[in-house]
Amino acid sequence: QEFHAATLPLELYVSDTEAYMHELQTREPSVYVV
């Protein structure tokens, strides 16, 4: 079974732009779900 489990805000912060840039440069940019 596949569920739409929840909807949460994905927030981008100016202080984390280096981390986002690093992720965009990977072979497969991803979002991390906890």
Full PDB file with SEQRES, HELIX, SHEET, SSBOND, CRYST1, ORIGX, SCALE, CONECT and MASTER records, all heavy atoms in Angstrom:
SEQRES   1 A   34  GLN GLU PHE HIS ALA ALA THR LEU PRO LEU GLU LEU TYR          
SEQRES   2 A   34  VAL SER ASP THR GLU ALA TYR MET HIS GLU LEU GLN THR          
SEQRES   3 A   34  ARG GLU PRO SER VAL TYR VAL VAL                              
HELIX    1 AA1 VAL A   14  ASP A   16  5                                   3    
HELIX    2 AA2 THR A   17  LEU A   24  1                                   8    
CRYST1    1.000    1.000    1.000  90.00  90.00  90.00 P 1           1          
ORIGX1      1.000000  0.000000  0.000000        0.00000                         
ORIGX2      0.000000  1.000000  0.000000        0.00000                         
ORIGX3      0.000000  0.000000  1.000000        0.00000                         
SCALE1      1.000000  0.000000  0.000000        0.00000                         
SCALE2      0.000000  1.000000  0.000000        0.00000                         
SCALE3      0.000000  0.000000  1.000000        0.00000                         
ATOM      1  N   GLN A   1       0.846  -1.195   0.000  1.00  0.00           N  
ATOM      2  CA  GLN A   1       0.000   0.000   0.000  1.00  0.00           C  
ATOM      3  C   GLN A   1       0.883   1.248   0.000  1.00  0.00           C  
ATOM      4  O   GLN A   1       1.943   1.257   0.622  1.00  0.00           O  
ATOM      5  CB  GLN A   1      -0.892   0.054   1.249  1.00  0.00           C  
ATOM      6  CG  GLN A   1      -2.027  -0.929   1.257  1.00  0.00           C  
ATOM      7  CD  GLN A   1      -2.859  -0.757   2.517  1.00  0.00           C  
ATOM      8  OE1 GLN A   1      -2.336  -0.892   3.622  1.00  0.00           O  
ATOM      9  NE2 GLN A   1      -4.131  -0.475   2.360  1.00  0.00           N  
ATOM     10  N   GLU A   2       0.417   2.281  -0.695  1.00  0.00           N  
ATOM     11  CA  GLU A   2       1.078   3.581  -0.650  1.00  0.00           C  
ATOM     12  C   GLU A   2       0.098   4.597  -0.095  1.00  0.00           C  
ATOM     13  O   GLU A   2      -1.064   4.641  -0.512  1.00  0.00           O  
ATOM     14  CB  GLU A   2       1.590   3.990  -2.024  1.00  0.00           C  
ATOM     15  CG  GLU A   2       2.804   3.190  -2.446  1.00  0.00           C  
ATOM     16  CD  GLU A   2       3.447   3.700  -3.716  1.00  0.00           C  
ATOM     17  OE1 GLU A   2       2.927   4.660  -4.325  1.00  0.00           O  
ATOM     18  OE2 GLU A   2       4.489   3.127  -4.107  1.00  0.00           O  
ATOM     19  N   PHE A   3       0.581   5.405   0.842  1.00  0.00           N  
ATOM     20  CA  PHE A   3      -0.249   6.383   1.535  1.00  0.00           C  
ATOM     21  C   PHE A   3       0.292   7.789   1.310  1.00  0.00           C  
ATOM     22  O   PHE A   3       1.500   7.988   1.247  1.00  0.00           O  
ATOM     23  CB  PHE A   3      -0.231   6.133   3.050  1.00  0.00           C  
ATOM     24  CG  PHE A   3      -0.714   4.789   3.479  1.00  0.00           C  
ATOM     25  CD1 PHE A   3       0.172   3.720   3.603  1.00  0.00           C  
ATOM     26  CD2 PHE A   3      -2.051   4.578   3.768  1.00  0.00           C  
ATOM     27  CE1 PHE A   3      -0.258   2.482   4.024  1.00  0.00           C  
ATOM     28  CE2 PHE A   3      -2.503   3.330   4.191  1.00  0.00           C  
ATOM     29  CZ  PHE A   3      -1.603   2.272   4.316  1.00  0.00           C  
ATOM     30  N   HIS A   4      -0.638   8.738   1.221  1.00  0.00           N  
ATOM     31  CA  HIS A   4      -0.257  10.144   1.377  1.00  0.00           C  
ATOM     32  C   HIS A   4      -0.304  10.351   2.890  1.00  0.00           C  
ATOM     33  O   HIS A   4      -1.351  10.618   3.464  1.00  0.00           O  
ATOM     34  CB  HIS A   4      -1.237  11.049   0.630  1.00  0.00           C  
ATOM     35  CG  HIS A   4      -0.933  12.505   0.765  1.00  0.00           C  
ATOM     36  ND1 HIS A   4      -1.728  13.471   0.210  1.00  0.00           N  
ATOM     37  CD2 HIS A   4       0.065  13.180   1.391  1.00  0.00           C  
ATOM     38  CE1 HIS A   4      -1.243  14.668   0.486  1.00  0.00           C  
ATOM     39  NE2 HIS A   4      -0.156  14.511   1.208  1.00  0.00           N  
ATOM     40  N   ALA A   5       0.862  10.192   3.531  1.00  0.00           N  
ATOM     41  CA  ALA A   5       0.909  10.125   4.986  1.00  0.00           C  
ATOM     42  C   ALA A   5       0.633  11.463   5.650  1.00  0.00           C  
ATOM     43  O   ALA A   5      -0.098  11.536   6.636  1.00  0.00           O  
ATOM     44  CB  ALA A   5       2.274   9.599   5.436  1.00  0.00           C  
ATOM     45  N   ALA A   6       1.218  12.527   5.120  1.00  0.00           N  
ATOM     46  CA  ALA A   6       1.058  13.852   5.731  1.00  0.00           C  
ATOM     47  C   ALA A   6       1.567  14.908   4.765  1.00  0.00           C  
ATOM     48  O   ALA A   6       2.264  14.602   3.803  1.00  0.00           O  
ATOM     49  CB  ALA A   6       1.834  13.925   7.043  1.00  0.00           C  
ATOM     50  N   THR A   7       1.202  16.152   5.034  1.00  0.00           N  
ATOM     51  CA  THR A   7       1.734  17.293   4.290  1.00  0.00           C  
ATOM     52  C   THR A   7       2.371  18.239   5.296  1.00  0.00           C  
ATOM     53  O   THR A   7       1.714  18.681   6.235  1.00  0.00           O  
ATOM     54  CB  THR A   7       0.626  18.008   3.503  1.00  0.00           C  
ATOM     55  OG1 THR A   7       0.064  17.093   2.561  1.00  0.00           O  
ATOM     56  CG2 THR A   7       1.177  19.220   2.763  1.00  0.00           C  
ATOM     57  N   LEU A   8       3.651  18.489   5.088  1.00  0.00           N  
ATOM     58  CA  LEU A   8       4.405  19.378   5.966  1.00  0.00           C  
ATOM     59  C   LEU A   8       5.030  20.481   5.137  1.00  0.00           C  
ATOM     60  O   LEU A   8       5.248  20.311   3.938  1.00  0.00           O  
ATOM     61  CB  LEU A   8       5.524  18.617   6.689  1.00  0.00           C  
ATOM     62  CG  LEU A   8       5.162  17.854   7.958  1.00  0.00           C  
ATOM     63  CD1 LEU A   8       4.393  16.604   7.626  1.00  0.00           C  
ATOM     64  CD2 LEU A   8       6.414  17.505   8.715  1.00  0.00           C  
ATOM     65  N   PRO A   9       5.354  21.619   5.755  1.00  0.00           N  
ATOM     66  CA  PRO A   9       6.038  22.673   4.998  1.00  0.00           C  
ATOM     67  C   PRO A   9       7.517  22.330   4.802  1.00  0.00           C  
ATOM     68  O   PRO A   9       8.187  21.940   5.749  1.00  0.00           O  
ATOM     69  CB  PRO A   9       5.873  23.916   5.877  1.00  0.00           C  
ATOM     70  CG  PRO A   9       5.672  23.389   7.254  1.00  0.00           C  
ATOM     71  CD  PRO A   9       5.010  22.047   7.112  1.00  0.00           C  
ATOM     72  N   LEU A  10       7.978  22.455   3.571  1.00  0.00           N  
ATOM     73  CA  LEU A  10       9.406  22.371   3.290  1.00  0.00           C  
ATOM     74  C   LEU A  10       9.907  23.805   3.323  1.00  0.00           C  
ATOM     75  O   LEU A  10       9.538  24.612   2.476  1.00  0.00           O  
ATOM     76  CB  LEU A  10       9.677  21.742   1.927  1.00  0.00           C  
ATOM     77  CG  LEU A  10      11.141  21.780   1.488  1.00  0.00           C  
ATOM     78  CD1 LEU A  10      11.989  20.855   2.358  1.00  0.00           C  
ATOM     79  CD2 LEU A  10      11.279  21.407   0.031  1.00  0.00           C  
ATOM     80  N   GLU A  11      10.725  24.117   4.309  1.00  0.00           N  
ATOM     81  CA  GLU A  11      11.179  25.492   4.498  1.00  0.00           C  
ATOM     82  C   GLU A  11      12.631  25.636   4.075  1.00  0.00           C  
ATOM     83  O   GLU A  11      13.464  24.791   4.401  1.00  0.00           O  
ATOM     84  CB  GLU A  11      11.000  25.911   5.959  1.00  0.00           C  
ATOM     85  CG  GLU A  11       9.538  25.913   6.376  1.00  0.00           C  
ATOM     86  CD  GLU A  11       9.320  26.362   7.807  1.00  0.00           C  
ATOM     87  OE1 GLU A  11      10.288  26.795   8.460  1.00  0.00           O  
ATOM     88  OE2 GLU A  11       8.173  26.280   8.262  1.00  0.00           O  
ATOM     89  N   LEU A  12      12.905  26.696   3.339  1.00  0.00           N  
ATOM     90  CA  LEU A  12      14.263  27.040   2.931  1.00  0.00           C  
ATOM     91  C   LEU A  12      14.688  28.278   3.707  1.00  0.00           C  
ATOM     92  O   LEU A  12      13.936  29.245   3.784  1.00  0.00           O  
ATOM     93  CB  LEU A  12      14.326  27.325   1.426  1.00  0.00           C  
ATOM     94  CG  LEU A  12      13.866  26.221   0.482  1.00  0.00           C  
ATOM     95  CD1 LEU A  12      14.020  26.675  -0.964  1.00  0.00           C  
ATOM     96  CD2 LEU A  12      14.631  24.925   0.719  1.00  0.00           C  
ATOM     97  N   TYR A  13      15.893  28.230   4.263  1.00  0.00           N  
ATOM     98  CA  TYR A  13      16.414  29.349   5.052  1.00  0.00           C  
ATOM     99  C   TYR A  13      17.682  29.895   4.413  1.00  0.00           C  
ATOM    100  O   TYR A  13      18.512  29.135   3.899  1.00  0.00           O  
ATOM    101  CB  TYR A  13      16.728  28.905   6.490  1.00  0.00           C  
ATOM    102  CG  TYR A  13      15.523  28.432   7.251  1.00  0.00           C  
ATOM    103  CD1 TYR A  13      15.251  27.072   7.369  1.00  0.00           C  
ATOM    104  CD2 TYR A  13      14.650  29.341   7.834  1.00  0.00           C  
ATOM    105  CE1 TYR A  13      14.137  26.633   8.068  1.00  0.00           C  
ATOM    106  CE2 TYR A  13      13.535  28.915   8.534  1.00  0.00           C  
ATOM    107  CZ  TYR A  13      13.284  27.555   8.650  1.00  0.00           C  
ATOM    108  OH  TYR A  13      12.177  27.123   9.334  1.00  0.00           O  
ATOM    109  N   VAL A  14      17.850  31.200   4.469  1.00  0.00           N  
ATOM    110  CA  VAL A  14      19.032  31.848   3.904  1.00  0.00           C  
ATOM    111  C   VAL A  14      20.303  31.306   4.559  1.00  0.00           C  
ATOM    112  O   VAL A  14      21.333  31.140   3.904  1.00  0.00           O  
ATOM    113  CB  VAL A  14      18.928  33.385   4.072  1.00  0.00           C  
ATOM    114  CG1 VAL A  14      20.233  34.066   3.705  1.00  0.00           C  
ATOM    115  CG2 VAL A  14      17.798  33.926   3.224  1.00  0.00           C  
ATOM    116  N   SER A  15      20.241  30.986   5.836  1.00  0.00           N  
ATOM    117  CA  SER A  15      21.421  30.494   6.553  1.00  0.00           C  
ATOM    118  C   SER A  15      21.871  29.113   6.075  1.00  0.00           C  
ATOM    119  O   SER A  15      22.993  28.700   6.356  1.00  0.00           O  
ATOM    120  CB  SER A  15      21.138  30.448   8.054  1.00  0.00           C  
ATOM    121  OG  SER A  15      20.016  29.627   8.309  1.00  0.00           O  
ATOM    122  N   ASP A  16      21.012  28.394   5.339  1.00  0.00           N  
ATOM    123  CA  ASP A  16      21.338  27.026   4.900  1.00  0.00           C  
ATOM    124  C   ASP A  16      21.617  26.917   3.409  1.00  0.00           C  
ATOM    125  O   ASP A  16      21.611  25.812   2.856  1.00  0.00           O  
ATOM    126  CB  ASP A  16      20.195  26.076   5.271  1.00  0.00           C  
ATOM    127  CG  ASP A  16      20.052  25.884   6.762  1.00  0.00           C  
ATOM    128  OD1 ASP A  16      21.029  26.121   7.488  1.00  0.00           O  
ATOM    129  OD2 ASP A  16      18.955  25.497   7.203  1.00  0.00           O  
ATOM    130  N   THR A  17      21.857  28.040   2.727  1.00  0.00           N  
ATOM    131  CA  THR A  17      22.023  27.979   1.270  1.00  0.00           C  
ATOM    132  C   THR A  17      23.220  27.135   0.850  1.00  0.00           C  
ATOM    133  O   THR A  17      23.177  26.488  -0.200  1.00  0.00           O  
ATOM    134  CB  THR A  17      22.149  29.393   0.662  1.00  0.00           C  
ATOM    135  OG1 THR A  17      23.211  30.095   1.314  1.00  0.00           O  
ATOM    136  CG2 THR A  17      20.852  30.159   0.779  1.00  0.00           C  
ATOM    137  N   GLU A  18      24.261  27.105   1.656  1.00  0.00           N  
ATOM    138  CA  GLU A  18      25.420  26.266   1.309  1.00  0.00           C  
ATOM    139  C   GLU A  18      25.024  24.792   1.273  1.00  0.00           C  
ATOM    140  O   GLU A  18      25.447  24.046   0.387  1.00  0.00           O  
ATOM    141  CB  GLU A  18      26.546  26.482   2.313  1.00  0.00           C  
ATOM    142  CG  GLU A  18      27.789  25.682   1.981  1.00  0.00           C  
ATOM    143  CD  GLU A  18      28.884  25.801   3.024  1.00  0.00           C  
ATOM    144  OE1 GLU A  18      28.836  26.743   3.841  1.00  0.00           O  
ATOM    145  OE2 GLU A  18      29.772  24.952   3.016  1.00  0.00           O  
ATOM    146  N   ALA A  19      24.201  24.361   2.224  1.00  0.00           N  
ATOM    147  CA  ALA A  19      23.739  22.968   2.265  1.00  0.00           C  
ATOM    148  C   ALA A  19      22.872  22.650   1.045  1.00  0.00           C  
ATOM    149  O   ALA A  19      23.013  21.589   0.432  1.00  0.00           O  
ATOM    150  CB  ALA A  19      22.960  22.713   3.551  1.00  0.00           C  
ATOM    151  N   TYR A  20      21.967  23.570   0.673  1.00  0.00           N  
ATOM    152  CA  TYR A  20      21.113  23.338  -0.500  1.00  0.00           C  
ATOM    153  C   TYR A  20      21.951  23.254  -1.763  1.00  0.00           C  
ATOM    154  O   TYR A  20      21.697  22.426  -2.643  1.00  0.00           O  
ATOM    155  CB  TYR A  20      20.068  24.446  -0.643  1.00  0.00           C  
ATOM    156  CG  TYR A  20      19.243  24.703   0.593  1.00  0.00           C  
ATOM    157  CD1 TYR A  20      18.874  26.003   0.944  1.00  0.00           C  
ATOM    158  CD2 TYR A  20      18.829  23.673   1.432  1.00  0.00           C  
ATOM    159  CE1 TYR A  20      18.121  26.265   2.082  1.00  0.00           C  
ATOM    160  CE2 TYR A  20      18.080  23.924   2.572  1.00  0.00           C  
ATOM    161  CZ  TYR A  20      17.730  25.220   2.889  1.00  0.00           C  
ATOM    162  OH  TYR A  20      16.996  25.469   4.009  1.00  0.00           O  
ATOM    163  N   MET A  21      22.963  24.121  -1.862  1.00  0.00           N  
ATOM    164  CA  MET A  21      23.827  24.126  -3.032  1.00  0.00           C  
ATOM    165  C   MET A  21      24.582  22.795  -3.136  1.00  0.00           C  
ATOM    166  O   MET A  21      24.700  22.221  -4.218  1.00  0.00           O  
ATOM    167  CB  MET A  21      24.817  25.293  -2.944  1.00  0.00           C  
ATOM    168  CG  MET A  21      25.571  25.555  -4.215  1.00  0.00           C  
ATOM    169  SD  MET A  21      26.398  27.163  -4.198  1.00  0.00           S  
ATOM    170  CE  MET A  21      27.459  27.012  -2.791  1.00  0.00           C  
ATOM    171  N   HIS A  22      25.034  22.303  -2.000  1.00  0.00           N  
ATOM    172  CA  HIS A  22      25.726  21.009  -1.976  1.00  0.00           C  
ATOM    173  C   HIS A  22      24.793  19.892  -2.456  1.00  0.00           C  
ATOM    174  O   HIS A  22      25.195  19.039  -3.242  1.00  0.00           O  
ATOM    175  CB  HIS A  22      26.226  20.716  -0.560  1.00  0.00           C  
ATOM    176  CG  HIS A  22      26.863  19.381  -0.406  1.00  0.00           C  
ATOM    177  ND1 HIS A  22      28.121  19.110  -0.851  1.00  0.00           N  
ATOM    178  CD2 HIS A  22      26.382  18.228   0.129  1.00  0.00           C  
ATOM    179  CE1 HIS A  22      28.409  17.837  -0.593  1.00  0.00           C  
ATOM    180  NE2 HIS A  22      27.367  17.287   0.008  1.00  0.00           N  
ATOM    181  N   GLU A  23      23.545  19.912  -2.006  1.00  0.00           N  
ATOM    182  CA  GLU A  23      22.578  18.869  -2.401  1.00  0.00           C  
ATOM    183  C   GLU A  23      22.251  18.950  -3.890  1.00  0.00           C  
ATOM    184  O   GLU A  23      22.132  17.923  -4.565  1.00  0.00           O  
ATOM    185  CB  GLU A  23      21.303  18.987  -1.566  1.00  0.00           C  
ATOM    186  CG  GLU A  23      20.290  17.899  -1.827  1.00  0.00           C  
ATOM    187  CD  GLU A  23      20.801  16.501  -1.485  1.00  0.00           C  
ATOM    188  OE1 GLU A  23      21.589  16.348  -0.537  1.00  0.00           O  
ATOM    189  OE2 GLU A  23      20.409  15.554  -2.194  1.00  0.00           O  
ATOM    190  N   LEU A  24      22.111  20.152  -4.418  1.00  0.00           N  
ATOM    191  CA  LEU A  24      21.798  20.310  -5.844  1.00  0.00           C  
ATOM    192  C   LEU A  24      22.926  19.821  -6.738  1.00  0.00           C  
ATOM    193  O   LEU A  24      22.698  19.500  -7.904  1.00  0.00           O  
ATOM    194  CB  LEU A  24      21.483  21.777  -6.156  1.00  0.00           C  
ATOM    195  CG  LEU A  24      20.166  22.313  -5.594  1.00  0.00           C  
ATOM    196  CD1 LEU A  24      20.086  23.822  -5.786  1.00  0.00           C  
ATOM    197  CD2 LEU A  24      18.976  21.621  -6.222  1.00  0.00           C  
ATOM    198  N   GLN A  25      24.146  19.754  -6.227  1.00  0.00           N  
ATOM    199  CA  GLN A  25      25.286  19.308  -7.021  1.00  0.00           C  
ATOM    200  C   GLN A  25      25.487  17.799  -6.987  1.00  0.00           C  
ATOM    201  O   GLN A  25      26.363  17.281  -7.669  1.00  0.00           O  
ATOM    202  CB  GLN A  25      26.566  20.011  -6.543  1.00  0.00           C  
ATOM    203  CG  GLN A  25      26.558  21.495  -6.823  1.00  0.00           C  
ATOM    204  CD  GLN A  25      27.704  22.232  -6.150  1.00  0.00           C  
ATOM    205  OE1 GLN A  25      28.434  21.676  -5.326  1.00  0.00           O  
ATOM    206  NE2 GLN A  25      27.858  23.501  -6.502  1.00  0.00           N  
ATOM    207  N   THR A  26      24.681  17.073  -6.229  1.00  0.00           N  
ATOM    208  CA  THR A  26      24.801  15.613  -6.182  1.00  0.00           C  
ATOM    209  C   THR A  26      24.206  15.004  -7.442  1.00  0.00           C  
ATOM    210  O   THR A  26      23.505  15.667  -8.205  1.00  0.00           O  
ATOM    211  CB  THR A  26      24.090  15.032  -4.948  1.00  0.00           C  
ATOM    212  OG1 THR A  26      22.690  15.360  -5.007  1.00  0.00           O  
ATOM    213  CG2 THR A  26      24.688  15.566  -3.659  1.00  0.00           C  
ATOM    214  N   ARG A  27      24.488  13.727  -7.647  1.00  0.00           N  
ATOM    215  CA  ARG A  27      23.995  13.036  -8.841  1.00  0.00           C  
ATOM    216  C   ARG A  27      22.464  13.022  -8.884  1.00  0.00           C  
ATOM    217  O   ARG A  27      21.861  13.178  -9.924  1.00  0.00           O  
ATOM    218  CB  ARG A  27      24.522  11.599  -8.859  1.00  0.00           C  
ATOM    219  CG  ARG A  27      24.107  10.826 -10.093  1.00  0.00           C  
ATOM    220  CD  ARG A  27      24.708   9.448 -10.101  1.00  0.00           C  
ATOM    221  NE  ARG A  27      26.159   9.550 -10.182  1.00  0.00           N  
ATOM    222  CZ  ARG A  27      26.983   8.552  -9.917  1.00  0.00           C  
ATOM    223  NH1 ARG A  27      26.503   7.384  -9.531  1.00  0.00           N  
ATOM    224  NH2 ARG A  27      28.285   8.709 -10.018  1.00  0.00           N  
ATOM    225  N   GLU A  28      21.844  12.812  -7.722  1.00  0.00           N  
ATOM    226  CA  GLU A  28      20.377  12.798  -7.647  1.00  0.00           C  
ATOM    227  C   GLU A  28      19.936  13.674  -6.475  1.00  0.00           C  
ATOM    228  O   GLU A  28      19.844  13.206  -5.345  1.00  0.00           O  
ATOM    229  CB  GLU A  28      19.866  11.369  -7.468  1.00  0.00           C  
ATOM    230  CG  GLU A  28      18.361  11.265  -7.498  1.00  0.00           C  
ATOM    231  CD  GLU A  28      17.860   9.841  -7.285  1.00  0.00           C  
ATOM    232  OE1 GLU A  28      18.683   8.925  -7.113  1.00  0.00           O  
ATOM    233  OE2 GLU A  28      16.642   9.666  -7.277  1.00  0.00           O  
ATOM    234  N   PRO A  29      19.677  14.967  -6.718  1.00  0.00           N  
ATOM    235  CA  PRO A  29      19.227  15.836  -5.622  1.00  0.00           C  
ATOM    236  C   PRO A  29      17.984  15.264  -4.942  1.00  0.00           C  
ATOM    237  O   PRO A  29      17.080  14.762  -5.621  1.00  0.00           O  
ATOM    238  CB  PRO A  29      18.925  17.161  -6.321  1.00  0.00           C  
ATOM    239  CG  PRO A  29      19.768  17.134  -7.553  1.00  0.00           C  
ATOM    240  CD  PRO A  29      19.791  15.687  -7.983  1.00  0.00           C  
ATOM    241  N   SER A  30      17.964  15.345  -3.634  1.00  0.00           N  
ATOM    242  CA  SER A  30      16.896  14.707  -2.867  1.00  0.00           C  
ATOM    243  C   SER A  30      16.377  15.601  -1.764  1.00  0.00           C  
ATOM    244  O   SER A  30      17.000  16.581  -1.377  1.00  0.00           O  
ATOM    245  CB  SER A  30      17.401  13.400  -2.248  1.00  0.00           C  
ATOM    246  OG  SER A  30      17.873  12.517  -3.228  1.00  0.00           O  
ATOM    247  N   VAL A  31      15.223  15.195  -1.255  1.00  0.00           N  
ATOM    248  CA  VAL A  31      14.623  15.767  -0.055  1.00  0.00           C  
ATOM    249  C   VAL A  31      14.751  14.687   1.014  1.00  0.00           C  
ATOM    250  O   VAL A  31      14.643  13.495   0.721  1.00  0.00           O  
ATOM    251  CB  VAL A  31      13.140  16.121  -0.303  1.00  0.00           C  
ATOM    252  CG1 VAL A  31      12.451  16.505   0.983  1.00  0.00           C  
ATOM    253  CG2 VAL A  31      13.023  17.238  -1.311  1.00  0.00           C  
ATOM    254  N   TYR A  32      14.984  15.091   2.242  1.00  0.00           N  
ATOM    255  CA  TYR A  32      15.145  14.143   3.337  1.00  0.00           C  
ATOM    256  C   TYR A  32      13.869  14.136   4.179  1.00  0.00           C  
ATOM    257  O   TYR A  32      13.418  15.178   4.635  1.00  0.00           O  
ATOM    258  CB  TYR A  32      16.363  14.510   4.181  1.00  0.00           C  
ATOM    259  CG  TYR A  32      17.635  14.405   3.382  1.00  0.00           C  
ATOM    260  CD1 TYR A  32      18.034  15.446   2.533  1.00  0.00           C  
ATOM    261  CD2 TYR A  32      18.404  13.258   3.423  1.00  0.00           C  
ATOM    262  CE1 TYR A  32      19.180  15.335   1.762  1.00  0.00           C  
ATOM    263  CE2 TYR A  32      19.556  13.146   2.657  1.00  0.00           C  
ATOM    264  CZ  TYR A  32      19.927  14.184   1.831  1.00  0.00           C  
ATOM    265  OH  TYR A  32      21.052  14.072   1.059  1.00  0.00           O  
ATOM    266  N   VAL A  33      13.310  12.939   4.353  1.00  0.00           N  
ATOM    267  CA  VAL A  33      12.071  12.766   5.108  1.00  0.00           C  
ATOM    268  C   VAL A  33      12.412  12.049   6.408  1.00  0.00           C  
ATOM    269  O   VAL A  33      13.039  10.982   6.393  1.00  0.00           O  
ATOM    270  CB  VAL A  33      11.036  11.944   4.304  1.00  0.00           C  
ATOM    271  CG1 VAL A  33       9.777  11.703   5.123  1.00  0.00           C  
ATOM    272  CG2 VAL A  33      10.711  12.637   2.988  1.00  0.00           C  
ATOM    273  N   VAL A  34      11.996  12.628   7.529  1.00  0.00           N  
ATOM    274  CA  VAL A  34      12.252  12.031   8.842  1.00  0.00           C  
ATOM    275  C   VAL A  34      10.946  11.432   9.363  1.00  0.00           C  
ATOM    276  O   VAL A  34       9.946  12.135   9.509  1.00  0.00           O  
ATOM    277  CB  VAL A  34      12.788  13.081   9.839  1.00  0.00           C  
ATOM    278  CG1 VAL A  34      13.028  12.451  11.205  1.00  0.00           C  
ATOM    279  CG2 VAL A  34      14.074  13.711   9.313  1.00  0.00           C  
TER     280      VAL A  34                                                      
MASTER        0    0    0    2    0    0    0    6  279    1    0    3          
END                                                                             
